[in-house]
N, C-alpha and C. Protein backbone atom coordinates (compact mmCIF):
# COMPACT_ATOMS: atom_id res chain seq x y z
N MET A 1 65.44 23.47 -61.40
CA MET A 1 65.11 22.86 -62.20
C MET A 1 65.59 21.29 -61.75
N HIS A 2 64.78 20.15 -62.76
CA HIS A 2 65.30 18.58 -62.38
C HIS A 2 66.05 18.10 -63.77
N ASN A 3 66.76 17.22 -63.93
CA ASN A 3 67.26 17.06 -64.79
C ASN A 3 66.58 15.46 -65.20
N SER A 4 66.43 15.27 -66.80
CA SER A 4 65.32 13.83 -66.99
C SER A 4 65.64 13.02 -65.91
N SER A 5 66.62 12.32 -65.64
CA SER A 5 66.84 10.99 -64.59
C SER A 5 66.32 11.14 -63.46
N GLU A 6 66.25 12.93 -62.74
CA GLU A 6 65.55 12.92 -61.62
C GLU A 6 64.47 13.19 -61.67
N ILE A 7 63.99 13.81 -62.92
CA ILE A 7 62.19 13.28 -63.17
C ILE A 7 61.93 12.22 -63.13
N ASN A 8 62.72 10.97 -64.12
CA ASN A 8 62.30 9.60 -63.68
C ASN A 8 62.09 9.18 -62.78
N THR A 9 63.24 9.29 -61.66
CA THR A 9 62.73 8.80 -60.25
C THR A 9 62.55 9.51 -59.64
N ILE A 10 61.69 10.53 -59.57
CA ILE A 10 60.43 11.33 -58.92
C ILE A 10 59.39 10.57 -58.93
N ASN A 11 59.22 10.24 -60.81
CA ASN A 11 57.89 9.11 -61.24
C ASN A 11 57.75 7.78 -60.50
N TRP A 12 58.74 7.38 -60.52
CA TRP A 12 58.56 5.82 -59.89
C TRP A 12 58.25 5.81 -58.74
N LEU A 13 58.76 7.40 -57.89
CA LEU A 13 58.32 6.91 -56.49
C LEU A 13 56.73 7.07 -55.92
N LYS A 14 56.13 8.41 -57.54
CA LYS A 14 55.07 8.52 -57.09
C LYS A 14 54.08 7.27 -57.54
N LYS A 15 54.63 6.67 -58.51
CA LYS A 15 53.71 5.41 -59.02
C LYS A 15 53.12 4.51 -57.64
N SER A 16 53.74 5.47 -56.58
CA SER A 16 53.12 4.38 -55.70
C SER A 16 52.99 4.77 -54.57
N ASN A 17 52.72 6.39 -54.83
CA ASN A 17 52.06 6.90 -53.98
C ASN A 17 53.20 7.65 -52.43
N LEU A 18 54.86 7.82 -53.19
CA LEU A 18 55.23 7.81 -52.12
C LEU A 18 55.97 9.01 -51.75
N ARG A 19 56.00 9.72 -51.06
CA ARG A 19 56.60 11.02 -51.00
C ARG A 19 57.87 10.77 -50.95
N PRO A 20 58.54 11.83 -52.22
CA PRO A 20 60.08 11.96 -52.70
C PRO A 20 61.10 12.51 -51.55
N THR A 21 61.13 11.82 -50.69
CA THR A 21 61.85 12.75 -49.42
C THR A 21 63.19 12.45 -50.15
N LYS A 22 64.46 13.53 -49.48
CA LYS A 22 65.85 13.70 -50.08
C LYS A 22 66.76 12.26 -49.85
N GLN A 23 65.88 11.26 -48.83
CA GLN A 23 67.03 9.65 -48.80
C GLN A 23 66.22 8.63 -49.85
N ARG A 24 64.75 8.82 -49.72
CA ARG A 24 64.26 8.15 -50.98
C ARG A 24 64.61 8.94 -52.18
N LEU A 25 64.55 9.57 -52.94
CA LEU A 25 65.13 10.16 -53.45
C LEU A 25 67.05 9.74 -54.56
N ALA A 26 67.65 9.65 -53.07
CA ALA A 26 69.14 9.43 -53.43
C ALA A 26 69.31 7.80 -53.52
N VAL A 27 68.87 7.04 -53.22
CA VAL A 27 68.17 5.40 -52.94
C VAL A 27 67.65 5.70 -54.56
N ALA A 28 66.65 5.79 -54.70
CA ALA A 28 66.16 5.32 -55.91
C ALA A 28 66.64 5.96 -57.00
N GLU A 29 67.67 7.11 -56.97
CA GLU A 29 68.39 7.65 -58.38
C GLU A 29 69.70 6.41 -58.48
N ALA A 30 70.11 5.96 -57.10
CA ALA A 30 71.19 5.00 -57.28
C ALA A 30 70.28 3.58 -57.53
N LEU A 31 69.34 3.70 -57.69
CA LEU A 31 68.94 2.23 -57.96
C LEU A 31 68.44 2.03 -59.55
N ILE A 32 67.73 3.25 -59.78
CA ILE A 32 66.98 3.48 -61.25
C ILE A 32 67.47 4.65 -62.09
N GLY A 33 68.28 5.34 -61.73
CA GLY A 33 68.70 6.71 -62.39
C GLY A 33 68.92 6.10 -63.94
N ASP A 34 70.15 5.41 -63.91
CA ASP A 34 70.35 5.15 -65.06
C ASP A 34 69.69 4.54 -66.65
N GLY A 35 68.59 4.01 -65.64
CA GLY A 35 67.30 2.71 -66.76
C GLY A 35 67.61 1.47 -66.10
N ASN A 36 68.72 1.29 -65.55
CA ASN A 36 69.19 -0.56 -66.02
C ASN A 36 68.37 -0.81 -64.84
N ASP A 37 68.50 -2.36 -65.48
CA ASP A 37 67.74 -3.11 -63.63
C ASP A 37 69.18 -3.84 -63.06
N ARG A 38 68.83 -3.66 -61.28
CA ARG A 38 69.62 -3.73 -60.65
C ARG A 38 68.91 -5.13 -59.73
N HIS A 39 70.06 -5.72 -58.79
CA HIS A 39 69.86 -6.95 -58.27
C HIS A 39 71.20 -6.18 -57.28
N VAL A 40 70.69 -5.43 -56.14
CA VAL A 40 71.55 -4.58 -54.82
C VAL A 40 71.29 -5.43 -53.61
N THR A 41 72.23 -5.55 -52.60
CA THR A 41 72.35 -6.02 -51.28
C THR A 41 72.04 -4.32 -50.90
N ALA A 42 71.62 -4.16 -49.20
CA ALA A 42 71.54 -2.93 -48.91
C ALA A 42 72.78 -2.48 -48.64
N GLU A 43 73.51 -3.18 -48.29
CA GLU A 43 75.20 -3.25 -48.01
C GLU A 43 75.94 -2.40 -49.62
N SER A 44 75.32 -3.09 -50.54
CA SER A 44 76.19 -2.53 -51.67
C SER A 44 75.56 -1.47 -52.28
N LEU A 45 74.35 -1.02 -51.63
CA LEU A 45 73.47 -0.14 -52.63
C LEU A 45 73.98 1.00 -51.61
N PHE A 46 74.32 0.85 -50.08
CA PHE A 46 74.75 1.86 -48.89
C PHE A 46 75.95 2.46 -49.48
N SER A 47 76.89 1.40 -49.78
CA SER A 47 78.23 1.84 -50.21
C SER A 47 77.65 3.32 -51.84
N SER A 48 77.06 2.72 -52.63
CA SER A 48 77.32 3.18 -53.55
C SER A 48 76.25 4.62 -53.57
N VAL A 49 75.71 5.08 -52.39
CA VAL A 49 74.78 6.14 -52.35
C VAL A 49 75.92 6.72 -51.38
N ASN A 50 76.49 6.77 -50.60
CA ASN A 50 77.55 7.03 -49.83
C ASN A 50 78.67 7.83 -50.29
N LYS A 51 78.40 7.02 -52.05
CA LYS A 51 79.91 7.05 -52.35
C LYS A 51 79.71 8.31 -53.04
N ASP A 52 78.53 8.96 -53.62
CA ASP A 52 77.98 10.16 -54.51
C ASP A 52 78.02 11.17 -53.63
N GLY A 53 78.20 10.90 -52.12
CA GLY A 53 78.12 12.17 -51.90
C GLY A 53 77.30 12.53 -50.79
N GLU A 54 76.06 11.47 -50.60
CA GLU A 54 74.83 11.46 -49.80
C GLU A 54 75.61 10.75 -48.40
N ALA A 55 74.78 11.41 -47.17
CA ALA A 55 75.37 10.53 -46.15
C ALA A 55 74.03 9.85 -45.52
N ILE A 56 73.49 8.63 -45.66
CA ILE A 56 72.74 8.00 -45.68
C ILE A 56 73.31 6.50 -44.40
N SER A 57 72.66 6.42 -43.76
CA SER A 57 72.80 4.98 -42.72
C SER A 57 72.76 4.19 -42.99
N LEU A 58 73.28 3.31 -43.24
CA LEU A 58 72.82 1.78 -43.28
C LEU A 58 71.12 1.37 -42.87
N ALA A 59 71.42 1.61 -42.07
CA ALA A 59 69.74 1.56 -41.84
C ALA A 59 68.67 2.11 -41.94
N THR A 60 68.85 3.78 -42.55
CA THR A 60 67.96 4.60 -43.56
C THR A 60 67.75 3.20 -45.16
N VAL A 61 68.82 3.32 -45.36
CA VAL A 61 68.90 2.05 -46.89
C VAL A 61 68.12 0.91 -46.77
N TYR A 62 68.13 0.46 -45.30
CA TYR A 62 67.38 -1.21 -45.30
C TYR A 62 65.84 -0.53 -45.29
N ASN A 63 65.42 0.10 -44.62
CA ASN A 63 64.32 1.08 -44.47
C ASN A 63 63.16 1.25 -45.50
N THR A 64 64.78 2.53 -46.22
CA THR A 64 63.94 2.71 -47.34
C THR A 64 63.61 1.90 -48.90
N LEU A 65 64.73 0.37 -48.90
CA LEU A 65 64.29 -0.38 -49.86
C LEU A 65 63.10 -1.34 -49.35
N ASN A 66 62.87 -1.74 -47.85
CA ASN A 66 61.81 -2.17 -47.35
C ASN A 66 60.59 -1.51 -47.96
N THR A 67 60.19 -0.16 -47.92
CA THR A 67 59.70 0.58 -48.44
C THR A 67 58.80 0.86 -49.47
N PHE A 68 60.21 0.41 -50.27
CA PHE A 68 59.95 0.38 -52.05
C PHE A 68 59.52 -0.79 -52.06
N ARG A 69 59.79 -2.07 -51.66
CA ARG A 69 59.51 -3.36 -51.38
C ARG A 69 57.65 -3.77 -51.60
N ASP A 70 58.03 -2.97 -50.21
CA ASP A 70 55.88 -3.08 -49.80
C ASP A 70 55.20 -1.95 -50.34
N ALA A 71 55.64 -1.08 -51.06
CA ALA A 71 54.79 -0.68 -52.47
C ALA A 71 54.57 -1.01 -53.33
N GLY A 72 55.73 -2.53 -53.71
CA GLY A 72 55.59 -2.73 -55.18
C GLY A 72 56.47 -2.24 -55.82
N LEU A 73 57.22 -1.95 -55.34
CA LEU A 73 58.13 -0.97 -56.84
C LEU A 73 59.45 -1.85 -56.82
N LEU A 74 59.79 -2.94 -55.88
CA LEU A 74 61.02 -3.71 -56.07
C LEU A 74 60.67 -5.17 -55.41
N THR A 75 61.31 -5.98 -55.94
CA THR A 75 61.37 -7.05 -55.31
C THR A 75 62.55 -7.61 -54.37
N GLU A 76 61.75 -8.50 -53.40
CA GLU A 76 62.80 -9.30 -52.62
C GLU A 76 63.24 -10.56 -52.88
N VAL A 77 64.35 -11.05 -53.42
CA VAL A 77 64.96 -12.48 -53.43
C VAL A 77 66.26 -12.60 -52.03
N VAL A 78 65.29 -13.76 -51.18
CA VAL A 78 66.12 -13.89 -49.83
C VAL A 78 66.92 -15.15 -50.96
N VAL A 79 68.46 -14.88 -50.45
CA VAL A 79 69.09 -16.18 -51.28
C VAL A 79 69.91 -17.11 -49.81
N ASP A 80 69.36 -16.63 -48.73
CA ASP A 80 69.60 -17.47 -47.87
C ASP A 80 69.15 -16.60 -45.98
N PRO A 81 69.32 -16.91 -45.57
CA PRO A 81 68.27 -16.64 -44.42
C PRO A 81 69.36 -15.21 -43.61
N HIS A 82 70.60 -14.98 -44.28
CA HIS A 82 71.65 -13.41 -43.57
C HIS A 82 71.15 -12.71 -45.11
N LYS A 83 70.88 -13.22 -46.01
CA LYS A 83 71.29 -12.30 -47.21
C LYS A 83 70.16 -11.74 -47.90
N SER A 84 69.38 -10.92 -48.26
CA SER A 84 68.14 -10.75 -50.15
C SER A 84 69.18 -9.63 -50.73
N TYR A 85 68.56 -9.65 -51.77
CA TYR A 85 68.83 -8.64 -53.04
C TYR A 85 67.35 -8.32 -53.06
N PHE A 86 67.99 -7.35 -53.81
CA PHE A 86 66.56 -6.27 -53.79
C PHE A 86 66.58 -5.93 -55.51
N CYS A 87 65.43 -6.27 -55.99
CA CYS A 87 65.39 -6.63 -57.62
C CYS A 87 64.66 -5.40 -58.05
N THR A 88 65.15 -4.73 -58.90
CA THR A 88 64.46 -3.40 -59.38
C THR A 88 62.99 -4.06 -60.37
N ARG A 89 63.34 -5.18 -61.17
CA ARG A 89 62.33 -6.13 -62.17
C ARG A 89 61.37 -6.10 -61.32
N VAL A 90 60.23 -5.45 -61.55
CA VAL A 90 58.52 -6.49 -60.62
C VAL A 90 57.81 -7.43 -61.37
N ASP A 91 58.42 -7.99 -62.34
CA ASP A 91 57.69 -8.93 -63.19
C ASP A 91 58.17 -10.41 -62.49
N ASP A 92 57.65 -11.51 -63.20
CA ASP A 92 57.56 -12.45 -62.18
C ASP A 92 58.95 -13.16 -63.43
N HIS A 93 59.94 -13.53 -62.82
CA HIS A 93 61.01 -13.90 -63.55
C HIS A 93 62.03 -14.95 -62.65
N PRO A 94 63.18 -15.58 -63.20
CA PRO A 94 63.90 -16.67 -62.46
C PRO A 94 65.06 -15.80 -62.31
N HIS A 95 65.78 -16.13 -61.48
CA HIS A 95 67.48 -15.79 -60.95
C HIS A 95 68.43 -16.98 -60.77
N PHE A 96 69.07 -16.38 -61.38
CA PHE A 96 70.62 -17.15 -60.87
C PHE A 96 71.31 -16.89 -59.70
N TYR A 97 71.79 -17.35 -59.03
CA TYR A 97 72.81 -16.64 -57.71
C TYR A 97 74.02 -17.51 -57.80
N TRP A 98 75.13 -16.83 -57.87
CA TRP A 98 76.31 -17.16 -58.30
C TRP A 98 76.91 -17.16 -56.98
N GLU A 99 76.66 -18.48 -56.34
CA GLU A 99 77.25 -18.61 -55.10
C GLU A 99 78.87 -18.09 -54.89
N ASP A 100 79.45 -18.27 -55.92
CA ASP A 100 81.13 -18.15 -55.47
C ASP A 100 81.50 -16.54 -55.50
N LYS A 101 80.46 -16.02 -56.58
CA LYS A 101 80.45 -14.54 -56.60
C LYS A 101 79.63 -13.88 -55.09
N GLY A 102 78.85 -14.39 -54.86
CA GLY A 102 77.97 -13.77 -54.04
C GLY A 102 76.72 -12.78 -54.81
N LEU A 103 76.43 -13.02 -56.24
CA LEU A 103 75.82 -12.23 -56.90
C LEU A 103 74.80 -13.20 -57.65
N LEU A 104 73.48 -12.18 -58.08
CA LEU A 104 72.12 -12.51 -57.93
C LEU A 104 72.03 -11.37 -59.56
N THR A 105 71.69 -12.25 -60.79
CA THR A 105 71.42 -11.77 -62.25
C THR A 105 69.76 -12.87 -62.49
N ASP A 106 69.25 -12.05 -63.64
CA ASP A 106 68.34 -12.32 -64.08
C ASP A 106 68.64 -13.86 -64.83
N ALA A 107 68.01 -14.53 -64.34
CA ALA A 107 67.86 -15.78 -65.49
C ALA A 107 66.72 -15.74 -66.76
N PRO A 108 67.08 -16.70 -68.03
CA PRO A 108 66.23 -16.71 -69.08
C PRO A 108 65.29 -17.09 -68.66
N ASN A 109 63.70 -16.18 -69.11
CA ASN A 109 62.35 -16.86 -68.83
C ASN A 109 62.49 -18.09 -69.43
N ASP A 110 62.47 -18.28 -70.78
CA ASP A 110 61.82 -18.60 -72.05
C ASP A 110 62.03 -20.17 -71.55
N LYS A 111 63.48 -20.32 -70.94
CA LYS A 111 63.58 -22.31 -70.46
C LYS A 111 62.51 -22.36 -69.32
N LEU A 112 62.15 -21.78 -68.39
CA LEU A 112 61.60 -22.13 -67.51
C LEU A 112 60.03 -22.66 -67.62
N GLN A 113 59.76 -24.26 -67.20
CA GLN A 113 58.68 -24.60 -66.93
C GLN A 113 57.83 -25.01 -65.76
N MET A 114 57.19 -24.63 -65.62
CA MET A 114 56.61 -24.87 -63.94
C MET A 114 55.29 -25.94 -64.59
N THR A 115 54.80 -26.90 -64.00
CA THR A 115 53.66 -27.58 -64.55
C THR A 115 53.18 -27.77 -63.25
N GLY A 116 53.62 -27.80 -62.47
CA GLY A 116 52.14 -27.85 -60.82
C GLY A 116 53.57 -27.18 -59.76
N ILE A 117 52.30 -27.06 -58.70
CA ILE A 117 53.15 -26.61 -57.53
C ILE A 117 51.86 -27.33 -56.64
N PRO A 118 52.72 -27.59 -55.37
CA PRO A 118 51.37 -28.30 -54.29
C PRO A 118 50.94 -27.23 -53.94
N GLU A 119 49.47 -26.77 -53.19
CA GLU A 119 48.48 -26.61 -52.85
C GLU A 119 48.64 -25.87 -51.40
N ALA A 120 48.01 -24.94 -51.17
CA ALA A 120 48.99 -24.00 -50.16
C ALA A 120 48.01 -24.99 -48.88
N PRO A 121 48.72 -25.57 -47.86
CA PRO A 121 47.93 -26.34 -46.70
C PRO A 121 46.56 -24.76 -45.87
N GLU A 122 45.97 -25.95 -45.76
CA GLU A 122 44.49 -25.16 -45.39
C GLU A 122 44.71 -23.78 -44.45
N GLY A 123 43.80 -23.02 -44.74
CA GLY A 123 44.26 -21.48 -44.41
C GLY A 123 45.08 -20.54 -44.63
N ALA A 124 45.85 -20.91 -45.57
CA ALA A 124 46.92 -19.94 -46.02
C ALA A 124 46.59 -19.79 -47.41
N GLU A 125 47.22 -19.10 -48.26
CA GLU A 125 47.52 -18.82 -49.76
C GLU A 125 48.87 -18.53 -50.39
N ILE A 126 48.50 -19.13 -51.63
CA ILE A 126 50.45 -18.82 -52.02
C ILE A 126 50.36 -17.39 -52.33
N SER A 127 51.17 -16.98 -52.41
CA SER A 127 51.52 -15.37 -52.77
C SER A 127 52.41 -14.43 -53.83
N LYS A 128 54.01 -15.74 -53.85
CA LYS A 128 54.61 -15.70 -54.46
C LYS A 128 55.13 -16.99 -54.77
N VAL A 129 56.04 -17.76 -55.78
CA VAL A 129 57.04 -18.36 -56.08
C VAL A 129 58.16 -17.44 -56.55
N ASP A 130 58.91 -18.34 -56.21
CA ASP A 130 60.28 -17.44 -56.18
C ASP A 130 61.25 -18.83 -56.81
N VAL A 131 62.22 -18.15 -58.15
CA VAL A 131 63.14 -19.40 -58.90
C VAL A 131 64.16 -19.05 -58.26
N VAL A 132 65.05 -19.50 -57.69
CA VAL A 132 66.30 -18.86 -57.19
C VAL A 132 67.53 -20.58 -57.98
N ILE A 133 68.20 -20.14 -58.88
CA ILE A 133 68.67 -21.01 -59.50
C ILE A 133 70.46 -20.92 -59.50
N ARG A 134 70.80 -22.13 -58.23
CA ARG A 134 72.32 -21.61 -57.83
C ARG A 134 73.36 -22.02 -58.52
N LEU A 135 73.94 -21.33 -58.53
CA LEU A 135 75.31 -21.53 -59.72
C LEU A 135 76.73 -21.68 -58.87
N ARG A 136 77.26 -22.63 -59.40
CA ARG A 136 78.94 -22.59 -58.84
C ARG A 136 80.00 -22.72 -60.19
N ALA A 137 80.74 -22.60 -59.84
CA ALA A 137 82.28 -22.98 -60.70
C ALA A 137 82.14 -24.24 -60.59
N LYS A 138 82.84 -24.35 -61.77
CA LYS A 138 83.30 -26.05 -61.96
C LYS A 138 84.77 -26.30 -61.51
């Protein structure tokens, strides 16, 4: 018998026709089990999943996050060439990146105004626009 959190996790995976393997369930439970939105790195999620008694490698966590992203269950926010965060909110919304803390949070959407963006070069199309507002302590 599954508890309501496990049922929500299984249903979340099934939205994108992903098979609920043991590893996917463990990673998904750490991401969405309590119903709150998350901004995680693969490393932080690896620590969280393994703290809960699972034995999942960092490579498996990376692969699972990428699978979730490719299935449309997560968005990836790249804050620099060596660091990505995965966000459980898949709607378009801006982020604050707290440089001093290495923390990504949602930014209020109601103040953001985009009046135009450059046209894509010939032979390309714009797939997405990410807005990351970088912050640091004064």
